[in-house]
Amino acid sequence: MDLLKQMADAFVILIRTGAVFRVVYCLVRMGMNEEEAAMYKKRARNTVVFYVIAESIWQIKELVLSYFV
């Protein structure tokens, strides 16, 4: 059970850092190429939406587990 919790925590950290790096990458690319700025702006927005959904799912899982355990 302890290994499973460690793996879940590692996935959460991976999702958080990946989302931050992806948004930073998109912002840098928007600054470098103005012609493709709209595309990278949409990609950054999609990354933020993914992060919000992932965090929401994680929090709902924690609430359900704390309720039933």
N, C-alpha and C. Protein backbone atom coordinates (compact mmCIF):
# COMPACT_ATOMS: atom_id res chain seq x y z
N MET A 1 0.83 -1.20 0.00
CA MET A 1 0.00 0.00 0.00
C MET A 1 0.87 1.26 0.00
N ASP A 2 2.00 1.17 0.69
CA ASP A 2 2.89 2.32 0.77
C ASP A 2 3.51 2.62 -0.61
N LEU A 3 3.85 1.57 -1.34
CA LEU A 3 4.41 1.74 -2.68
C LEU A 3 3.38 2.39 -3.61
N LEU A 4 2.13 2.00 -3.48
CA LEU A 4 1.07 2.57 -4.31
C LEU A 4 0.89 4.06 -4.03
N LYS A 5 0.96 4.44 -2.76
CA LYS A 5 0.85 5.86 -2.41
C LYS A 5 2.04 6.65 -2.94
N GLN A 6 3.23 6.08 -2.87
CA GLN A 6 4.41 6.75 -3.40
C GLN A 6 4.30 6.94 -4.91
N MET A 7 3.79 5.94 -5.60
CA MET A 7 3.62 6.05 -7.05
C MET A 7 2.58 7.12 -7.40
N ALA A 8 1.50 7.17 -6.65
CA ALA A 8 0.47 8.19 -6.89
C ALA A 8 1.03 9.58 -6.66
N ASP A 9 1.80 9.74 -5.59
CA ASP A 9 2.42 11.04 -5.32
C ASP A 9 3.41 11.43 -6.42
N ALA A 10 4.13 10.43 -6.94
CA ALA A 10 5.07 10.71 -8.02
C ALA A 10 4.33 11.15 -9.28
N PHE A 11 3.19 10.54 -9.57
CA PHE A 11 2.41 10.94 -10.73
C PHE A 11 1.88 12.36 -10.59
N VAL A 12 1.46 12.72 -9.40
CA VAL A 12 0.96 14.08 -9.17
C VAL A 12 2.08 15.10 -9.38
N ILE A 13 3.25 14.80 -8.85
CA ILE A 13 4.39 15.70 -9.04
C ILE A 13 4.75 15.80 -10.51
N LEU A 14 4.72 14.67 -11.22
CA LEU A 14 5.02 14.65 -12.64
C LEU A 14 4.02 15.47 -13.44
N ILE A 15 2.75 15.37 -13.11
CA ILE A 15 1.72 16.15 -13.80
C ILE A 15 1.92 17.64 -13.54
N ARG A 16 2.19 18.00 -12.31
CA ARG A 16 2.38 19.42 -11.99
C ARG A 16 3.59 20.02 -12.69
N THR A 17 4.72 19.34 -12.61
CA THR A 17 5.92 19.89 -13.24
C THR A 17 5.80 19.88 -14.76
N GLY A 18 5.19 18.84 -15.31
CA GLY A 18 5.00 18.77 -16.75
C GLY A 18 4.13 19.89 -17.26
N ALA A 19 3.06 20.19 -16.54
CA ALA A 19 2.16 21.27 -16.95
C ALA A 19 2.88 22.63 -16.88
N VAL A 20 3.65 22.84 -15.84
CA VAL A 20 4.37 24.11 -15.71
C VAL A 20 5.39 24.26 -16.83
N PHE A 21 6.15 23.21 -17.11
CA PHE A 21 7.15 23.28 -18.18
C PHE A 21 6.49 23.47 -19.54
N ARG A 22 5.34 22.84 -19.76
CA ARG A 22 4.65 22.98 -21.05
C ARG A 22 4.15 24.41 -21.25
N VAL A 23 3.60 25.01 -20.20
CA VAL A 23 3.12 26.39 -20.31
C VAL A 23 4.29 27.34 -20.55
N VAL A 24 5.38 27.15 -19.83
CA VAL A 24 6.56 27.99 -20.03
C VAL A 24 7.10 27.83 -21.45
N TYR A 25 7.15 26.61 -21.95
CA TYR A 25 7.61 26.36 -23.31
C TYR A 25 6.72 27.08 -24.33
N CYS A 26 5.41 26.99 -24.14
CA CYS A 26 4.48 27.66 -25.05
C CYS A 26 4.65 29.18 -25.00
N LEU A 27 4.86 29.72 -23.82
CA LEU A 27 5.06 31.17 -23.70
C LEU A 27 6.36 31.61 -24.38
N VAL A 28 7.40 30.82 -24.25
CA VAL A 28 8.67 31.15 -24.91
C VAL A 28 8.50 31.09 -26.42
N ARG A 29 7.83 30.05 -26.90
CA ARG A 29 7.63 29.93 -28.35
C ARG A 29 6.74 31.04 -28.89
N MET A 30 5.77 31.49 -28.09
CA MET A 30 4.93 32.61 -28.53
C MET A 30 5.76 33.87 -28.70
N GLY A 31 6.72 34.08 -27.82
CA GLY A 31 7.57 35.26 -27.91
C GLY A 31 8.55 35.19 -29.07
N MET A 32 8.93 33.98 -29.46
CA MET A 32 9.91 33.83 -30.54
C MET A 32 9.28 33.93 -31.93
N ASN A 33 8.06 33.45 -32.08
CA ASN A 33 7.45 33.39 -33.40
C ASN A 33 6.04 33.97 -33.32
N GLU A 34 5.88 35.19 -33.79
CA GLU A 34 4.58 35.86 -33.69
C GLU A 34 3.55 35.28 -34.65
N GLU A 35 4.01 34.63 -35.72
CA GLU A 35 3.07 34.05 -36.68
C GLU A 35 2.32 32.86 -36.09
N GLU A 36 2.98 32.12 -35.23
CA GLU A 36 2.36 30.94 -34.63
C GLU A 36 1.92 31.19 -33.19
N ALA A 37 1.81 32.43 -32.79
CA ALA A 37 1.48 32.77 -31.41
C ALA A 37 0.09 32.28 -31.03
N ALA A 38 -0.86 32.35 -31.95
CA ALA A 38 -2.22 31.89 -31.64
C ALA A 38 -2.24 30.40 -31.35
N MET A 39 -1.47 29.64 -32.10
CA MET A 39 -1.42 28.19 -31.89
C MET A 39 -0.84 27.86 -30.52
N TYR A 40 0.26 28.53 -30.15
CA TYR A 40 0.88 28.24 -28.85
C TYR A 40 0.04 28.78 -27.70
N LYS A 41 -0.71 29.84 -27.94
CA LYS A 41 -1.62 30.34 -26.90
C LYS A 41 -2.71 29.31 -26.63
N LYS A 42 -3.23 28.70 -27.69
CA LYS A 42 -4.26 27.67 -27.53
C LYS A 42 -3.68 26.44 -26.83
N ARG A 43 -2.45 26.07 -27.17
CA ARG A 43 -1.81 24.93 -26.52
C ARG A 43 -1.59 25.20 -25.03
N ALA A 44 -1.19 26.41 -24.69
CA ALA A 44 -0.99 26.76 -23.29
C ALA A 44 -2.31 26.73 -22.53
N ARG A 45 -3.37 27.23 -23.17
CA ARG A 45 -4.68 27.20 -22.53
C ARG A 45 -5.14 25.76 -22.32
N ASN A 46 -4.93 24.89 -23.30
CA ASN A 46 -5.30 23.49 -23.17
C ASN A 46 -4.51 22.81 -22.06
N THR A 47 -3.26 23.18 -21.89
CA THR A 47 -2.45 22.62 -20.81
C THR A 47 -2.99 23.04 -19.45
N VAL A 48 -3.39 24.29 -19.33
CA VAL A 48 -3.97 24.76 -18.07
C VAL A 48 -5.28 24.04 -17.78
N VAL A 49 -6.11 23.84 -18.79
CA VAL A 49 -7.37 23.11 -18.61
C VAL A 49 -7.08 21.68 -18.17
N PHE A 50 -6.11 21.03 -18.80
CA PHE A 50 -5.72 19.68 -18.40
C PHE A 50 -5.28 19.65 -16.94
N TYR A 51 -4.48 20.62 -16.54
CA TYR A 51 -3.99 20.66 -15.16
C TYR A 51 -5.14 20.82 -14.17
N VAL A 52 -6.08 21.69 -14.47
CA VAL A 52 -7.22 21.91 -13.57
C VAL A 52 -8.04 20.63 -13.45
N ILE A 53 -8.29 19.97 -14.57
CA ILE A 53 -9.06 18.73 -14.54
C ILE A 53 -8.32 17.64 -13.77
N ALA A 54 -7.02 17.52 -13.99
CA ALA A 54 -6.23 16.51 -13.29
C ALA A 54 -6.22 16.76 -11.78
N GLU A 55 -6.06 18.00 -11.37
CA GLU A 55 -6.08 18.32 -9.94
C GLU A 55 -7.46 18.07 -9.34
N SER A 56 -8.50 18.38 -10.08
CA SER A 56 -9.86 18.16 -9.60
C SER A 56 -10.11 16.67 -9.38
N ILE A 57 -9.70 15.86 -10.33
CA ILE A 57 -9.87 14.42 -10.19
C ILE A 57 -9.10 13.90 -8.99
N TRP A 58 -7.88 14.40 -8.81
CA TRP A 58 -7.07 13.98 -7.68
C TRP A 58 -7.75 14.34 -6.36
N GLN A 59 -8.28 15.54 -6.25
CA GLN A 59 -8.93 15.97 -5.01
C GLN A 59 -10.21 15.18 -4.75
N ILE A 60 -10.97 14.89 -5.79
CA ILE A 60 -12.20 14.09 -5.62
C ILE A 60 -11.84 12.69 -5.14
N LYS A 61 -10.77 12.11 -5.69
CA LYS A 61 -10.33 10.79 -5.25
C LYS A 61 -9.95 10.82 -3.77
N GLU A 62 -9.24 11.85 -3.34
CA GLU A 62 -8.85 11.95 -1.94
C GLU A 62 -10.07 12.11 -1.03
N LEU A 63 -11.06 12.88 -1.47
CA LEU A 63 -12.28 13.04 -0.67
C LEU A 63 -13.03 11.73 -0.54
N VAL A 64 -13.15 11.00 -1.62
CA VAL A 64 -13.86 9.71 -1.59
C VAL A 64 -13.13 8.72 -0.69
N LEU A 65 -11.82 8.65 -0.83
CA LEU A 65 -11.06 7.72 0.02
C LEU A 65 -11.12 8.09 1.49
N SER A 66 -11.08 9.38 1.80
CA SER A 66 -11.15 9.79 3.20
C SER A 66 -12.55 9.55 3.77
N TYR A 67 -13.56 9.60 2.93
CA TYR A 67 -14.93 9.37 3.40
C TYR A 67 -15.16 7.90 3.72
N PHE A 68 -14.67 7.02 2.86
CA PHE A 68 -14.95 5.60 3.03
C PHE A 68 -13.93 4.87 3.89
N VAL A 69 -12.80 5.46 4.17
CA VAL A 69 -11.77 4.75 4.95
C VAL A 69 -11.79 5.20 6.38
